[in-house]
């Protein structure tokens, strides 16, 4: 029983409830943490830099010119749900995803905002814009800790790099992401540690493995207060062996076996082919994949940059959602696209620059959320007429992260313990977004 259960039972007793009332409360509390739906995997598209909500999923065509910008909204296949004109493919499948328009927080710099949205925990101390911080385990690392992948495959991938706060913190290096830095759009794409070098026969590889075990005499120690780097190194070595020796791992990375029309549909560019790789990984049973998609920090040249970028981004994300749906995987796979915050309602021009942009803004942002058993075609929450602040159905990063955990099959009310025994709430407010459950 959770602590809240005892509190509920105690309060009910004080209120004069009967024994039957107590039993009913206990049953209700027990069912609160139970999710009968199948566990979902997650593809998290991390739009690093903070994508503008006002040019993507929350346009304000009636606002003054200095706020509404240059783009216009278009209708989707869901009545009353409108998105940017440069995302026509997503407009055609709006019934397959929801838009959350009212998540907000108070961390308007990259380091702190990244940490908050990647972990569900606000940073404990002030964090600078360029900081890479880890005060709390990330969503992906917790998924790896709680949800082992099939043998030979890591549980948490990040492509082509790890986000600033995408690491495991006190969970340890074992639960850091497996980073695939190479570009799957290239003809010679290969993943390190997955295939043997072409000039190394398997027998020789095996003998090298045996030789390492023979000469390795480094002591290991077990101390709950201290993380042993030698043990962590052993775990990384064994994971590398599994990747090389497991056919499932090699098959998951064999993007060259995909039909040409599928690769073209995703987009023959780095982002498109990484999205296709993410689909192959969740198809193989990997619970969490992050697509690190940087370059959304548009302080200048916002409209010129997005006119080029949004159509290809739209193609890739729409194809990913549709492909998962056609394969029967969308019901058990979340596709989420977000960054650390939104952008300022008022268009700005930096000193010495002539091209307009928008600055950091944590009062409002938009999140695309598809799959994982959630109902599509929803717009959850709203910002005011000028996109300044979330004002209807205001939600926190904790609500968003708790939703992801619930769908992963992880109880967000759990308490973890650091190596020194300090208790840490997984999420302080574990209330999910009920419209997505």
Protein backbone atom coordinates (compact mmCIF):
# COMPACT_ATOMS: atom_id res chain seq x y z
CA UNK A 1 0.00 0.00 0.00
CA UNK A 2 1.21 3.51 -0.83
CA UNK A 3 1.60 6.18 1.84
CA UNK A 4 -1.39 8.02 0.39
CA UNK A 5 -3.50 4.91 0.99
CA UNK A 6 -2.80 5.05 4.72
CA UNK A 7 -3.59 8.73 4.75
CA UNK A 8 -6.88 8.10 2.97
CA UNK A 9 -7.78 5.31 5.37
CA UNK A 10 -6.87 7.43 8.39
CA UNK A 11 -8.83 10.44 7.18
CA UNK A 12 -11.84 8.26 6.41
CA UNK A 13 -11.71 6.88 9.93
CA UNK A 14 -11.59 10.37 11.40
CA UNK A 15 -14.60 11.32 9.28
CA UNK A 16 -16.58 8.52 10.89
CA UNK A 17 -16.58 6.18 7.90
CA UNK A 18 -17.52 2.54 8.36
CA UNK A 19 -15.23 -0.47 7.90
CA UNK A 20 -16.88 -1.07 4.52
CA UNK A 21 -15.98 2.49 3.53
CA UNK A 22 -12.39 1.78 4.46
CA UNK A 23 -12.33 -1.33 2.29
CA UNK A 24 -13.81 0.59 -0.61
CA UNK A 25 -11.17 3.30 -0.26
CA UNK A 26 -8.44 0.69 -0.15
CA UNK A 27 -9.74 -0.93 -3.34
CA UNK A 28 -9.97 2.47 -5.04
CA UNK A 29 -6.44 3.38 -4.04
CA UNK A 30 -5.09 0.04 -5.22
CA UNK A 31 -6.73 0.41 -8.61
CA UNK A 32 -5.39 3.98 -8.93
CA UNK A 33 -1.88 2.69 -9.54
CA UNK A 34 -2.93 -0.22 -11.72
CA UNK A 35 -2.81 0.10 -15.47
CA UNK A 36 -4.43 -2.79 -17.29
CA UNK A 37 -3.38 -1.50 -20.70
CA UNK A 38 -0.27 -3.00 -22.31
CA UNK A 39 2.99 -1.21 -21.64
CA UNK A 40 3.95 1.24 -24.36
CA UNK A 41 7.32 2.06 -25.84
CA UNK A 42 8.32 5.64 -26.57
CA UNK A 43 9.93 7.58 -29.40
CA UNK A 44 10.76 11.02 -28.01
CA UNK A 45 11.57 13.67 -30.62
CA UNK A 46 13.56 16.22 -28.65
CA UNK A 47 13.41 19.58 -30.46
CA UNK A 48 16.39 21.10 -28.72
CA UNK A 49 16.48 24.87 -28.41
CA UNK A 50 12.77 25.42 -27.78
CA UNK A 51 10.44 25.28 -30.82
CA UNK A 52 8.04 28.14 -31.35
CA UNK A 53 4.46 27.24 -30.50
CA UNK A 54 3.18 30.25 -32.45
CA UNK A 55 4.51 28.95 -35.78
CA UNK A 56 3.69 25.25 -35.30
CA UNK A 57 0.69 24.11 -33.24
CA UNK A 58 -0.74 27.25 -31.61
CA UNK A 59 -0.99 30.00 -34.22
CA UNK A 60 -2.77 33.27 -33.37
CA UNK A 61 -4.10 34.70 -36.66
CA UNK A 62 -6.23 37.34 -34.90
CA UNK A 63 -3.34 38.75 -32.88
CA UNK A 64 -1.50 41.96 -33.87
CA UNK A 65 1.15 41.62 -36.62
CA UNK A 66 4.08 41.78 -34.20
CA UNK A 67 2.69 38.67 -32.49
CA UNK A 68 0.96 36.59 -35.16
CA UNK A 69 3.99 36.46 -37.46
CA UNK A 70 4.08 35.47 -41.13
CA UNK A 71 2.53 31.99 -41.15
CA UNK A 72 -1.15 31.14 -41.38
CA UNK A 73 -3.04 28.21 -39.86
CA UNK A 74 -4.70 25.50 -41.97
CA UNK A 75 -7.54 23.14 -41.17
CA UNK A 76 -6.79 19.52 -40.27
CA UNK A 77 -8.92 16.42 -40.68
CA UNK A 78 -10.28 17.17 -37.18
CA UNK A 79 -12.87 19.94 -37.10
CA UNK A 80 -11.64 23.04 -35.25
CA UNK A 81 -8.05 21.79 -34.90
CA UNK A 82 -5.66 23.97 -36.90
CA UNK A 83 -1.89 23.88 -37.30
CA UNK A 84 0.75 25.63 -39.41
CA UNK A 85 0.42 25.77 -43.19
CA UNK A 86 3.90 24.26 -43.56
CA UNK A 87 2.76 20.99 -41.95
CA UNK A 88 0.14 19.71 -44.42
CA UNK A 89 0.95 16.01 -43.92
CA UNK A 90 0.40 16.21 -40.18
CA UNK A 91 -2.82 18.12 -40.90
CA UNK A 92 -4.13 15.09 -42.79
CA UNK A 93 -3.61 12.71 -39.85
CA UNK A 94 -4.58 14.96 -36.92
CA UNK A 95 -7.01 12.29 -35.74
CA UNK A 96 -3.98 10.17 -34.80
CA UNK A 97 -2.35 12.62 -32.37
CA UNK A 98 -3.18 15.22 -29.75
CA UNK A 99 -1.76 18.70 -29.17
CA UNK A 100 -1.09 19.83 -25.61
CA UNK A 101 -1.06 23.63 -25.55
CA UNK A 102 -0.97 24.39 -21.83
CA UNK A 103 2.16 22.85 -20.30
CA UNK A 104 4.25 25.63 -18.77
CA UNK A 105 6.98 26.18 -16.19
CA UNK A 106 9.35 28.86 -14.89
CA UNK A 107 12.73 27.75 -16.27
CA UNK A 108 13.35 29.97 -19.31
CA UNK A 109 16.90 28.93 -20.12
CA UNK A 110 18.10 25.91 -22.04
CA UNK A 111 19.90 24.04 -19.26
CA UNK A 112 17.14 24.28 -16.67
CA UNK A 113 14.25 23.88 -19.13
CA UNK A 114 15.87 20.85 -20.68
CA UNK A 115 16.31 19.23 -17.28
CA UNK A 116 12.73 19.93 -16.23
CA UNK A 117 11.11 18.51 -19.38
CA UNK A 118 13.50 15.54 -19.63
CA UNK A 119 13.12 14.45 -16.01
CA UNK A 120 9.94 15.94 -14.57
CA UNK A 121 12.07 17.48 -11.81
CA UNK A 122 12.97 21.18 -11.66
CA UNK A 123 16.70 21.80 -11.11
CA UNK A 124 17.56 22.25 -7.45
CA UNK A 125 19.92 25.16 -8.05
CA UNK A 126 20.05 27.93 -10.70
CA UNK A 127 21.29 26.54 -14.00
CA UNK A 128 22.81 28.49 -16.88
CA UNK A 129 21.69 28.35 -20.49
CA UNK A 130 24.62 26.29 -21.71
CA UNK A 131 24.72 23.90 -18.77
CA UNK A 132 24.61 20.13 -19.10
CA UNK A 133 23.00 19.13 -15.81
CA UNK A 134 21.81 15.90 -14.23
CA UNK A 135 20.17 16.22 -10.83
CA UNK A 136 17.65 13.46 -11.57
CA UNK A 137 17.38 10.41 -13.86
CA UNK A 138 15.91 11.13 -17.29
CA UNK A 139 12.79 9.53 -18.71
CA UNK A 140 14.86 7.25 -20.92
CA UNK A 141 17.16 6.12 -18.14
CA UNK A 142 14.23 5.30 -15.85
CA UNK A 143 12.64 3.35 -18.71
CA UNK A 144 15.90 1.41 -19.13
CA UNK A 145 16.02 0.73 -15.37
CA UNK A 146 12.42 -0.49 -15.22
CA UNK A 147 11.95 -2.02 -18.67
CA UNK A 148 14.72 -4.35 -19.92
CA UNK A 149 14.86 -4.79 -23.69
CA UNK A 150 15.17 -8.18 -25.40
CA UNK A 151 18.55 -9.84 -24.90
CA UNK A 152 21.34 -8.14 -26.78
CA UNK A 153 19.63 -4.77 -27.18
CA UNK A 154 20.05 -1.75 -24.90
CA UNK A 155 16.80 -0.41 -23.45
CA UNK A 156 17.55 3.23 -24.17
CA UNK A 157 18.88 4.73 -27.40
CA UNK A 158 19.63 8.31 -28.35
CA UNK A 159 20.44 9.46 -31.89
CA UNK A 160 22.72 11.16 -32.91
CA UNK A 161 23.66 12.39 -29.42
CA UNK A 162 22.37 12.57 -25.87
CA UNK A 163 20.42 15.62 -24.77
CA UNK A 164 21.82 17.81 -21.99
CA UNK A 165 19.81 16.08 -19.25
CA UNK A 166 19.19 12.71 -20.89
CA UNK A 167 21.45 10.75 -18.55
CA UNK A 168 20.93 8.35 -15.63
CA UNK A 169 22.29 10.38 -12.68
CA UNK A 170 22.39 8.09 -9.59
CA UNK A 171 21.02 5.08 -11.49
CA UNK A 172 24.50 4.60 -12.92
CA UNK A 173 26.22 4.37 -16.31
CA UNK A 174 24.45 1.11 -17.13
CA UNK A 175 21.27 3.11 -17.77
CA UNK A 176 22.81 5.83 -19.92
CA UNK A 177 21.62 5.88 -23.54
CA UNK A 178 23.34 3.89 -26.24
CA UNK A 179 24.25 6.71 -28.61
CA UNK A 180 24.17 6.06 -32.35
CA UNK A 181 26.15 8.96 -33.75
CA UNK A 182 26.59 7.71 -37.32
CA UNK A 183 24.25 8.95 -40.05
CA UNK A 184 21.84 6.22 -41.29
CA UNK A 185 21.23 8.25 -44.44
CA UNK A 186 24.72 7.40 -45.68
CA UNK A 187 25.30 4.36 -47.87
CA UNK A 188 28.14 3.11 -45.67
CA UNK A 189 26.14 3.43 -42.43
CA UNK A 190 27.24 1.00 -39.73
CA UNK A 191 26.73 1.11 -35.99
CA UNK A 192 29.76 0.82 -33.77
CA UNK A 193 29.87 -2.25 -31.51
CA UNK A 194 27.16 -4.02 -33.50
CA UNK A 195 29.19 -5.65 -36.27
CA UNK A 196 32.61 -7.25 -36.16
CA UNK A 197 35.29 -5.52 -38.20
CA UNK A 198 35.36 -7.09 -41.64
CA UNK A 199 38.95 -8.29 -41.19
CA UNK A 200 38.31 -9.94 -37.79
CA UNK A 201 37.06 -13.56 -37.93
CA UNK A 202 34.61 -14.64 -35.22
CA UNK A 203 37.06 -17.20 -33.77
CA UNK A 204 39.68 -14.51 -33.27
CA UNK A 205 37.13 -12.22 -31.67
CA UNK A 206 36.15 -14.97 -29.23
CA UNK A 207 39.77 -15.67 -28.34
CA UNK A 208 40.30 -11.96 -27.59
CA UNK A 209 37.30 -12.06 -25.28
CA UNK A 210 38.72 -15.07 -23.43
CA UNK A 211 42.15 -13.40 -23.23
CA UNK A 212 40.68 -10.30 -21.63
CA UNK A 213 39.01 -12.40 -18.94
CA UNK A 214 42.29 -14.20 -18.31
CA UNK A 215 44.42 -11.09 -17.78
CA UNK A 216 41.79 -8.98 -16.02
CA UNK A 217 42.73 -8.99 -12.35
CA UNK A 218 41.32 -5.64 -11.34
CA UNK A 219 39.56 -5.89 -7.96
CA UNK A 220 35.81 -5.25 -7.73
CA UNK A 221 34.18 -3.95 -4.60
CA UNK A 222 30.61 -3.77 -3.45
CA UNK A 223 29.88 -0.64 -1.49
CA UNK A 224 26.37 0.85 -1.66
CA UNK A 225 27.85 4.27 -0.92
CA UNK A 226 30.24 4.23 -3.89
CA UNK A 227 29.78 3.37 -7.56
CA UNK A 228 32.56 1.05 -8.75
CA UNK A 229 33.84 2.30 -12.15
CA UNK A 230 35.37 -1.13 -12.89
CA UNK A 231 31.99 -2.83 -12.50
CA UNK A 232 30.38 -0.20 -14.73
CA UNK A 233 33.10 -0.84 -17.32
CA UNK A 234 32.42 -4.60 -17.12
CA UNK A 235 28.73 -3.97 -17.81
CA UNK A 236 29.55 -1.82 -20.85
CA UNK A 237 31.90 -4.49 -22.22
CA UNK A 238 29.29 -7.22 -21.81
CA UNK A 239 26.67 -5.05 -23.49
CA UNK A 240 29.03 -4.57 -26.42
CA UNK A 241 29.56 -8.34 -26.68
CA UNK A 242 25.79 -8.87 -26.68
CA UNK A 243 25.34 -6.33 -29.45
CA UNK A 244 27.89 -8.10 -31.61
CA UNK A 245 26.65 -11.61 -30.95
CA UNK A 246 22.87 -11.14 -30.98
CA UNK A 247 21.18 -11.43 -34.39
CA UNK A 248 18.19 -9.34 -33.21
CA UNK A 249 20.48 -6.39 -32.54
CA UNK A 250 22.13 -6.59 -35.92
CA UNK A 251 18.75 -6.93 -37.63
CA UNK A 252 17.35 -3.86 -35.88
CA UNK A 253 20.15 -1.72 -37.31
CA UNK A 254 19.96 -3.10 -40.84
CA UNK A 255 18.24 -0.08 -42.30
CA UNK A 256 19.51 -1.02 -45.76
CA UNK A 257 16.95 -3.84 -45.81
CA UNK A 258 14.07 -1.35 -45.79
CA UNK A 259 12.23 -0.93 -49.12
CA UNK A 260 13.29 2.15 -51.05
CA UNK A 261 9.76 3.58 -50.98
CA UNK A 262 9.68 3.44 -47.16
CA UNK A 263 13.02 5.21 -46.90
CA UNK A 264 11.84 7.88 -49.33
CA UNK A 265 8.60 8.34 -47.40
CA UNK A 266 10.50 9.10 -44.20
CA UNK A 267 12.76 11.50 -46.09
CA UNK A 268 16.24 10.82 -47.41
CA UNK A 269 17.93 13.02 -44.83
CA UNK A 270 19.55 12.38 -41.46
CA UNK A 271 16.46 13.14 -39.36
CA UNK A 272 14.17 11.09 -41.57
CA UNK A 273 16.37 8.01 -41.54
CA UNK A 274 16.91 8.24 -37.77
CA UNK A 275 13.13 8.27 -37.34
CA UNK A 276 12.97 5.12 -39.47
CA UNK A 277 15.70 3.59 -37.31
CA UNK A 278 13.65 4.47 -34.21
CA UNK A 279 10.69 2.61 -35.64
CA UNK A 280 12.88 -0.44 -36.24
CA UNK A 281 14.18 -0.29 -32.67
CA UNK A 282 10.76 -0.16 -30.98
CA UNK A 283 9.63 -2.87 -33.38
CA UNK A 284 12.47 -4.98 -31.92
CA UNK A 285 11.29 -4.32 -28.36
CA UNK A 286 13.38 -1.32 -27.29
CA UNK A 287 11.26 0.66 -24.79
CA UNK A 288 12.75 4.15 -25.24
CA UNK A 289 14.37 5.98 -28.16
CA UNK A 290 15.26 9.67 -28.22
CA UNK A 291 15.68 11.48 -31.53
CA UNK A 292 17.81 14.49 -30.69
CA UNK A 293 16.68 17.15 -33.18
CA UNK A 294 18.64 20.32 -32.48
CA UNK A 295 18.55 23.81 -33.92
CA UNK A 296 15.17 25.20 -32.78
CA UNK A 297 16.59 28.21 -30.92
CA UNK A 298 15.43 30.82 -33.41
CA UNK A 299 16.35 34.21 -31.96
CA UNK A 300 16.69 35.40 -35.55
CA UNK A 301 15.65 34.33 -39.06
CA UNK A 302 12.72 32.40 -37.58
CA UNK A 303 10.47 32.52 -40.62
CA UNK A 304 13.14 31.89 -43.22
CA UNK A 305 14.52 28.90 -41.30
CA UNK A 306 11.11 27.34 -40.68
CA UNK A 307 9.95 27.73 -44.29
CA UNK A 308 12.78 25.35 -45.16
CA UNK A 309 12.71 23.09 -42.13
CA UNK A 310 9.04 22.53 -41.31
CA UNK A 311 8.03 20.75 -44.55
CA UNK A 312 10.71 18.05 -44.17
CA UNK A 313 10.06 17.75 -40.42
CA UNK A 314 6.35 17.43 -41.18
CA UNK A 315 7.00 14.66 -43.71
CA UNK A 316 9.12 12.62 -41.32
CA UNK A 317 6.91 12.88 -38.25
CA UNK A 318 3.69 12.25 -40.19
CA UNK A 319 5.25 9.21 -41.88
CA UNK A 320 6.51 7.84 -38.56
CA UNK A 321 3.05 8.06 -36.97
CA UNK A 322 1.31 6.61 -40.04
CA UNK A 323 3.86 3.82 -40.46
CA UNK A 324 3.51 2.76 -36.83
CA UNK A 325 -0.25 2.84 -37.20
CA UNK A 326 -0.24 0.70 -40.35
CA UNK A 327 2.01 -1.87 -38.66
CA UNK A 328 -0.26 -2.08 -35.63
CA UNK A 329 2.42 -0.52 -33.41
CA UNK A 330 0.94 2.92 -32.67
CA UNK A 331 -1.36 1.57 -29.97
CA UNK A 332 1.71 0.52 -27.97
CA UNK A 333 4.17 3.20 -29.11
CA UNK A 334 4.15 6.83 -28.04
CA UNK A 335 5.48 9.44 -30.44
CA UNK A 336 6.12 12.70 -28.60
CA UNK A 337 7.62 15.90 -30.01
CA UNK A 338 8.62 18.80 -27.77
CA UNK A 339 11.46 21.01 -26.60
CA UNK A 340 12.37 22.76 -23.38
CA UNK A 341 9.93 25.68 -23.78
CA UNK A 342 8.11 27.84 -26.34
CA UNK A 343 9.02 31.26 -27.76
CA UNK A 344 8.09 34.83 -26.89
CA UNK A 345 4.77 36.10 -28.24
CA UNK A 346 6.32 39.34 -29.42
CA UNK A 347 8.68 39.01 -32.37
CA UNK A 348 12.12 40.38 -31.60
CA UNK A 349 15.13 41.61 -33.54
CA UNK A 350 18.50 41.18 -31.88
CA UNK A 351 20.96 44.04 -31.91
CA UNK A 352 22.87 44.08 -35.17
CA UNK A 353 20.56 41.56 -36.85
CA UNK A 354 17.87 42.42 -39.33
CA UNK A 355 15.99 39.10 -39.42
CA UNK A 356 13.18 38.64 -36.91
CA UNK A 357 13.00 35.86 -34.35
CA UNK A 358 11.51 34.92 -30.99
CA UNK A 359 13.25 34.47 -27.66
CA UNK A 360 12.95 31.93 -24.82
CA UNK A 361 9.51 31.64 -23.24
CA UNK A 362 8.47 29.10 -20.58
CA UNK A 363 4.93 30.43 -19.98
CA UNK A 364 3.62 28.53 -23.00
CA UNK A 365 4.61 25.67 -25.29
CA UNK A 366 3.07 22.99 -27.49
CA UNK A 367 3.59 19.23 -27.32
CA UNK A 368 2.58 16.70 -29.99
CA UNK A 369 1.51 13.42 -28.40
CA UNK A 370 0.52 10.37 -30.46
CA UNK A 371 -0.09 6.70 -29.73
CA UNK A 372 0.42 4.69 -26.58
CA UNK A 373 -3.31 4.01 -26.34
CA UNK A 374 -4.20 7.72 -26.20
CA UNK A 375 -7.08 9.14 -28.19
CA UNK A 376 -6.08 11.33 -31.13
CA UNK A 377 -7.73 14.45 -32.49
CA UNK A 378 -7.62 16.32 -29.19
CA UNK A 379 -6.47 19.81 -28.33
CA UNK A 380 -5.69 19.84 -24.61
CA UNK A 381 -5.58 23.21 -22.89
CA UNK A 382 -5.15 26.64 -24.43
CA UNK A 383 -3.09 29.79 -24.28
CA UNK A 384 -4.52 33.30 -24.25
CA UNK A 385 -5.31 35.26 -27.41
CA UNK A 386 -1.73 36.35 -27.89
CA UNK A 387 -0.05 33.05 -27.00
CA UNK A 388 1.45 34.66 -23.94
CA UNK A 389 0.48 32.18 -21.23
CA UNK A 390 -1.30 28.90 -20.69
CA UNK A 391 -4.63 29.82 -19.14
CA UNK A 392 -7.00 26.90 -19.76
CA UNK A 393 -6.27 23.43 -18.30
CA UNK A 394 -2.86 24.60 -17.08
CA UNK A 395 -0.45 21.65 -16.79
CA UNK A 396 3.06 21.15 -15.45
CA UNK A 397 6.07 19.19 -16.70
CA UNK A 398 5.32 16.76 -13.85
CA UNK A 399 1.88 16.03 -15.34
CA UNK A 400 3.39 15.39 -18.75
CA UNK A 401 6.21 13.17 -17.41
CA UNK A 402 3.78 11.23 -15.19
CA UNK A 403 1.66 10.52 -18.27
CA UNK A 404 4.67 9.09 -20.10
CA UNK A 405 5.63 6.95 -17.11
CA UNK A 406 2.10 5.57 -16.74
CA UNK A 407 2.05 4.55 -20.37
CA UNK A 408 5.49 2.97 -20.06
CA UNK A 409 4.02 0.87 -17.25
CA UNK A 410 6.01 2.71 -14.56
CA UNK A 411 4.40 4.09 -11.39
CA UNK A 412 5.39 7.79 -11.24
CA UNK A 413 4.74 7.86 -7.48
CA UNK A 414 7.70 5.55 -6.85
CA UNK A 415 10.49 6.58 -4.54
CA UNK A 416 14.03 5.76 -5.63
CA UNK A 417 17.09 5.73 -3.40
CA UNK A 418 20.47 7.18 -4.27
CA UNK A 419 23.72 5.33 -3.57
CA UNK A 420 23.91 7.14 -0.21
CA UNK A 421 20.38 6.04 0.70
CA UNK A 422 18.69 9.38 0.13
CA UNK A 423 15.03 8.96 -0.96
CA UNK A 424 14.05 10.67 -4.22
CA UNK A 425 10.56 10.96 -5.66
CA UNK A 426 10.43 9.85 -9.26
CA UNK A 427 7.93 12.68 -9.88
CA UNK A 428 6.73 14.98 -7.10
CA UNK A 429 3.26 15.41 -8.62
CA UNK A 430 2.35 12.07 -10.20
CA UNK A 431 -1.01 13.18 -11.66
CA UNK A 432 -1.12 12.26 -15.36
CA UNK A 433 -2.97 14.15 -18.09
CA UNK A 434 -6.27 12.28 -17.94
CA UNK A 435 -7.28 13.16 -21.51
CA UNK A 436 -4.36 11.01 -22.74
CA UNK A 437 -4.93 8.04 -20.45
